[in-house]
Amino acid sequence: MRSIFFLPPHAKSSFITYTIMKNLVRTSGIVISIALCIAAATLKSHVSPTLCVGCGDCVRICPVSAISLVRGKAVIDAETCIGCKSCNRICSYGAVR
């Protein structure tokens, strides 16, 4: 089975996820939808520093405190982020994607 994936430019870590999942499928014999695993990895938000004005709305709305302000700009901790997109919906400036 061959699949082609189109990933957003910010999803650089998704290639690592793809590689891990591909090896897991190969070694364990379990059929896993690699496309779904990669899609889940790309759900996490990121901040465009040029659009962020540092208002802090995303920091206050994040349910897991994955966002902090560093030098007046929002920064998302990818390890803590659960991909709920609350920050994306609250950002008035379109900085969180």
N, C-alpha and C. Protein backbone atom coordinates (compact mmCIF):
# COMPACT_ATOMS: atom_id res chain seq x y z
N MET A 1 0.84 -1.17 0.00
CA MET A 1 0.00 0.00 0.00
C MET A 1 0.89 1.24 0.00
N ARG A 2 0.59 2.17 -0.87
CA ARG A 2 1.39 3.38 -0.99
C ARG A 2 0.51 4.58 -0.73
N SER A 3 1.01 5.53 0.05
CA SER A 3 0.25 6.74 0.36
C SER A 3 1.11 7.96 0.11
N ILE A 4 0.46 9.04 -0.26
CA ILE A 4 1.14 10.32 -0.44
C ILE A 4 0.55 11.27 0.58
N PHE A 5 1.41 11.95 1.32
CA PHE A 5 0.95 12.86 2.36
C PHE A 5 1.35 14.28 2.00
N PHE A 6 0.44 15.20 2.16
CA PHE A 6 0.72 16.61 1.98
C PHE A 6 0.61 17.26 3.36
N LEU A 7 1.73 17.70 3.88
CA LEU A 7 1.76 18.25 5.23
C LEU A 7 2.01 19.75 5.17
N PRO A 8 1.44 20.50 6.13
CA PRO A 8 1.72 21.93 6.17
C PRO A 8 3.18 22.18 6.49
N PRO A 9 3.71 23.35 6.06
CA PRO A 9 5.13 23.64 6.25
C PRO A 9 5.58 23.62 7.70
N HIS A 10 4.68 23.97 8.64
CA HIS A 10 5.08 24.02 10.05
C HIS A 10 5.14 22.64 10.68
N ALA A 11 4.74 21.60 9.97
CA ALA A 11 4.65 20.26 10.54
C ALA A 11 5.93 19.46 10.32
N LYS A 12 7.06 20.05 10.63
CA LYS A 12 8.33 19.38 10.41
C LYS A 12 8.49 18.14 11.29
N SER A 13 7.90 18.15 12.47
CA SER A 13 8.02 17.00 13.36
C SER A 13 7.18 15.83 12.87
N SER A 14 6.30 16.07 11.93
CA SER A 14 5.44 15.00 11.43
C SER A 14 6.23 13.94 10.68
N PHE A 15 7.33 14.31 10.04
CA PHE A 15 8.13 13.32 9.35
C PHE A 15 8.69 12.32 10.34
N ILE A 16 9.10 12.83 11.51
CA ILE A 16 9.62 11.94 12.54
C ILE A 16 8.50 11.00 13.00
N THR A 17 7.30 11.54 13.20
CA THR A 17 6.16 10.72 13.59
C THR A 17 5.87 9.67 12.53
N TYR A 18 5.91 10.06 11.27
CA TYR A 18 5.67 9.13 10.17
C TYR A 18 6.69 7.99 10.21
N THR A 19 7.95 8.34 10.40
CA THR A 19 9.00 7.33 10.42
C THR A 19 8.80 6.35 11.57
N ILE A 20 8.48 6.87 12.75
CA ILE A 20 8.26 6.00 13.91
C ILE A 20 7.08 5.08 13.65
N MET A 21 5.97 5.63 13.16
CA MET A 21 4.78 4.82 12.93
C MET A 21 5.02 3.79 11.83
N LYS A 22 5.74 4.17 10.79
CA LYS A 22 6.03 3.23 9.71
C LYS A 22 6.83 2.04 10.24
N ASN A 23 7.81 2.32 11.09
CA ASN A 23 8.61 1.25 11.68
C ASN A 23 7.78 0.41 12.64
N LEU A 24 6.88 1.03 13.38
CA LEU A 24 6.01 0.29 14.29
C LEU A 24 5.13 -0.68 13.52
N VAL A 25 4.55 -0.20 12.42
CA VAL A 25 3.69 -1.06 11.61
C VAL A 25 4.50 -2.22 11.03
N ARG A 26 5.70 -1.92 10.56
CA ARG A 26 6.52 -2.95 9.95
C ARG A 26 6.94 -4.00 10.98
N THR A 27 7.33 -3.58 12.18
CA THR A 27 7.85 -4.53 13.15
C THR A 27 6.78 -5.25 13.95
N SER A 28 5.64 -4.61 14.18
CA SER A 28 4.64 -5.26 15.02
C SER A 28 3.59 -6.02 14.22
N GLY A 29 3.45 -5.70 12.95
CA GLY A 29 2.45 -6.37 12.13
C GLY A 29 1.04 -5.85 12.37
N ILE A 30 0.90 -4.85 13.23
CA ILE A 30 -0.42 -4.26 13.49
C ILE A 30 -0.73 -3.26 12.39
N VAL A 31 -1.93 -3.34 11.87
CA VAL A 31 -2.33 -2.40 10.82
C VAL A 31 -2.81 -1.12 11.48
N ILE A 32 -2.05 -0.07 11.25
CA ILE A 32 -2.38 1.25 11.80
C ILE A 32 -2.49 2.23 10.65
N SER A 33 -3.44 3.09 10.72
CA SER A 33 -3.58 4.11 9.68
C SER A 33 -2.53 5.19 9.91
N ILE A 34 -1.49 5.13 9.12
CA ILE A 34 -0.40 6.10 9.26
C ILE A 34 -0.91 7.50 8.97
N ALA A 35 -1.82 7.63 8.04
CA ALA A 35 -2.35 8.95 7.71
C ALA A 35 -3.01 9.60 8.91
N LEU A 36 -3.75 8.83 9.69
CA LEU A 36 -4.40 9.38 10.88
C LEU A 36 -3.38 9.78 11.93
N CYS A 37 -2.33 9.00 12.07
CA CYS A 37 -1.29 9.33 13.05
C CYS A 37 -0.60 10.63 12.67
N ILE A 38 -0.33 10.82 11.41
CA ILE A 38 0.31 12.04 10.95
C ILE A 38 -0.64 13.22 11.10
N ALA A 39 -1.91 13.02 10.78
CA ALA A 39 -2.88 14.09 10.93
C ALA A 39 -2.95 14.54 12.39
N ALA A 40 -2.91 13.61 13.32
CA ALA A 40 -2.95 13.96 14.73
C ALA A 40 -1.71 14.76 15.13
N ALA A 41 -0.57 14.43 14.55
CA ALA A 41 0.66 15.14 14.88
C ALA A 41 0.65 16.56 14.36
N THR A 42 -0.10 16.85 13.31
CA THR A 42 -0.11 18.18 12.73
C THR A 42 -1.19 19.07 13.32
N LEU A 43 -2.01 18.56 14.24
CA LEU A 43 -3.08 19.35 14.82
C LEU A 43 -2.59 20.41 15.79
N LYS A 44 -1.42 20.27 16.30
CA LYS A 44 -0.93 21.21 17.30
C LYS A 44 -0.73 22.60 16.68
N SER A 45 -1.01 23.60 17.49
CA SER A 45 -0.95 24.98 17.03
C SER A 45 0.47 25.52 17.03
N HIS A 46 0.66 26.56 16.28
CA HIS A 46 1.92 27.30 16.31
C HIS A 46 1.60 28.78 16.16
N VAL A 47 2.53 29.64 16.55
CA VAL A 47 2.33 31.08 16.54
C VAL A 47 3.20 31.73 15.49
N SER A 48 2.61 32.63 14.72
CA SER A 48 3.37 33.43 13.78
C SER A 48 3.90 34.65 14.53
N PRO A 49 5.20 34.75 14.75
CA PRO A 49 5.74 35.86 15.54
C PRO A 49 5.50 37.23 14.90
N THR A 50 5.34 37.26 13.60
CA THR A 50 5.11 38.56 12.95
C THR A 50 3.69 39.06 13.18
N LEU A 51 2.74 38.15 13.39
CA LEU A 51 1.35 38.55 13.62
C LEU A 51 1.01 38.70 15.10
N CYS A 52 1.76 38.06 15.98
CA CYS A 52 1.48 38.09 17.41
C CYS A 52 1.79 39.47 17.98
N VAL A 53 0.81 40.03 18.72
CA VAL A 53 1.00 41.33 19.36
C VAL A 53 1.24 41.19 20.87
N GLY A 54 1.21 39.96 21.37
CA GLY A 54 1.49 39.72 22.78
C GLY A 54 0.37 40.11 23.72
N CYS A 55 -0.87 40.02 23.26
CA CYS A 55 -2.02 40.41 24.10
C CYS A 55 -2.25 39.44 25.26
N GLY A 56 -1.86 38.17 25.09
CA GLY A 56 -1.99 37.18 26.16
C GLY A 56 -3.32 36.45 26.22
N ASP A 57 -4.22 36.71 25.28
CA ASP A 57 -5.51 36.01 25.28
C ASP A 57 -5.32 34.50 25.18
N CYS A 58 -4.40 34.07 24.33
CA CYS A 58 -4.16 32.63 24.15
C CYS A 58 -3.57 32.01 25.41
N VAL A 59 -2.75 32.76 26.12
CA VAL A 59 -2.15 32.27 27.36
C VAL A 59 -3.24 31.99 28.39
N ARG A 60 -4.20 32.92 28.49
CA ARG A 60 -5.28 32.78 29.47
C ARG A 60 -6.26 31.66 29.12
N ILE A 61 -6.49 31.40 27.82
CA ILE A 61 -7.50 30.42 27.40
C ILE A 61 -6.97 28.99 27.37
N CYS A 62 -5.68 28.80 27.28
CA CYS A 62 -5.11 27.45 27.14
C CYS A 62 -5.43 26.59 28.37
N PRO A 63 -6.11 25.45 28.17
CA PRO A 63 -6.50 24.62 29.30
C PRO A 63 -5.35 23.85 29.95
N VAL A 64 -4.22 23.74 29.27
CA VAL A 64 -3.09 22.98 29.82
C VAL A 64 -1.85 23.84 30.04
N SER A 65 -2.01 25.16 29.96
CA SER A 65 -0.91 26.12 30.17
C SER A 65 0.29 25.82 29.27
N ALA A 66 0.01 25.55 27.99
CA ALA A 66 1.08 25.23 27.05
C ALA A 66 1.65 26.49 26.39
N ILE A 67 1.04 27.66 26.66
CA ILE A 67 1.46 28.89 26.00
C ILE A 67 2.01 29.87 27.03
N SER A 68 3.11 30.49 26.67
CA SER A 68 3.68 31.53 27.53
C SER A 68 4.13 32.69 26.65
N LEU A 69 4.30 33.85 27.26
CA LEU A 69 4.81 35.01 26.53
C LEU A 69 6.30 35.11 26.75
N VAL A 70 7.04 35.13 25.66
CA VAL A 70 8.49 35.27 25.71
C VAL A 70 8.86 36.48 24.86
N ARG A 71 9.46 37.47 25.50
CA ARG A 71 9.82 38.72 24.82
C ARG A 71 8.63 39.34 24.09
N GLY A 72 7.47 39.27 24.74
CA GLY A 72 6.27 39.91 24.20
C GLY A 72 5.56 39.15 23.10
N LYS A 73 5.94 37.91 22.86
CA LYS A 73 5.31 37.08 21.84
C LYS A 73 4.90 35.74 22.45
N ALA A 74 3.77 35.21 21.97
CA ALA A 74 3.30 33.91 22.46
C ALA A 74 4.17 32.78 21.92
N VAL A 75 4.49 31.83 22.78
CA VAL A 75 5.26 30.65 22.41
C VAL A 75 4.51 29.43 22.93
N ILE A 76 4.30 28.44 22.05
CA ILE A 76 3.56 27.24 22.42
C ILE A 76 4.54 26.09 22.65
N ASP A 77 4.42 25.46 23.80
CA ASP A 77 5.23 24.29 24.12
C ASP A 77 4.57 23.08 23.45
N ALA A 78 5.19 22.58 22.41
CA ALA A 78 4.61 21.48 21.62
C ALA A 78 4.42 20.21 22.43
N GLU A 79 5.23 19.99 23.43
CA GLU A 79 5.11 18.79 24.26
C GLU A 79 3.86 18.83 25.14
N THR A 80 3.48 20.04 25.57
CA THR A 80 2.34 20.21 26.47
C THR A 80 1.04 20.39 25.70
N CYS A 81 1.12 20.99 24.53
CA CYS A 81 -0.07 21.30 23.71
C CYS A 81 -0.86 20.02 23.40
N ILE A 82 -2.18 20.09 23.57
CA ILE A 82 -3.04 18.94 23.30
C ILE A 82 -3.79 19.09 21.98
N GLY A 83 -3.57 20.20 21.27
CA GLY A 83 -4.19 20.40 19.97
C GLY A 83 -5.66 20.76 20.01
N CYS A 84 -6.13 21.36 21.08
CA CYS A 84 -7.56 21.67 21.20
C CYS A 84 -7.98 22.88 20.37
N LYS A 85 -7.03 23.70 19.95
CA LYS A 85 -7.26 24.87 19.11
C LYS A 85 -8.02 26.00 19.79
N SER A 86 -8.10 25.98 21.12
CA SER A 86 -8.74 27.09 21.84
C SER A 86 -8.00 28.40 21.55
N CYS A 87 -6.69 28.33 21.51
CA CYS A 87 -5.88 29.52 21.25
C CYS A 87 -6.14 30.06 19.85
N ASN A 88 -6.33 29.17 18.90
CA ASN A 88 -6.60 29.56 17.53
C ASN A 88 -7.90 30.34 17.44
N ARG A 89 -8.92 29.84 18.13
CA ARG A 89 -10.24 30.50 18.09
C ARG A 89 -10.26 31.84 18.80
N ILE A 90 -9.44 31.99 19.85
CA ILE A 90 -9.48 33.22 20.64
C ILE A 90 -8.60 34.33 20.04
N CYS A 91 -7.63 33.98 19.23
CA CYS A 91 -6.68 34.98 18.70
C CYS A 91 -7.37 35.91 17.70
N SER A 92 -7.46 37.18 18.07
CA SER A 92 -8.09 38.20 17.22
C SER A 92 -7.21 38.61 16.05
N TYR A 93 -5.93 38.29 16.12
CA TYR A 93 -4.96 38.76 15.12
C TYR A 93 -4.57 37.67 14.11
N GLY A 94 -5.09 36.47 14.28
CA GLY A 94 -4.76 35.39 13.36
C GLY A 94 -3.34 34.88 13.48
N ALA A 95 -2.74 35.12 14.64
CA ALA A 95 -1.33 34.74 14.84
C ALA A 95 -1.18 33.26 15.17
N VAL A 96 -2.20 32.67 15.76
CA VAL A 96 -2.13 31.26 16.15
C VAL A 96 -2.82 30.41 15.09
N ARG A 97 -2.07 29.45 14.58
CA ARG A 97 -2.63 28.59 13.54
C ARG A 97 -2.48 27.15 13.92
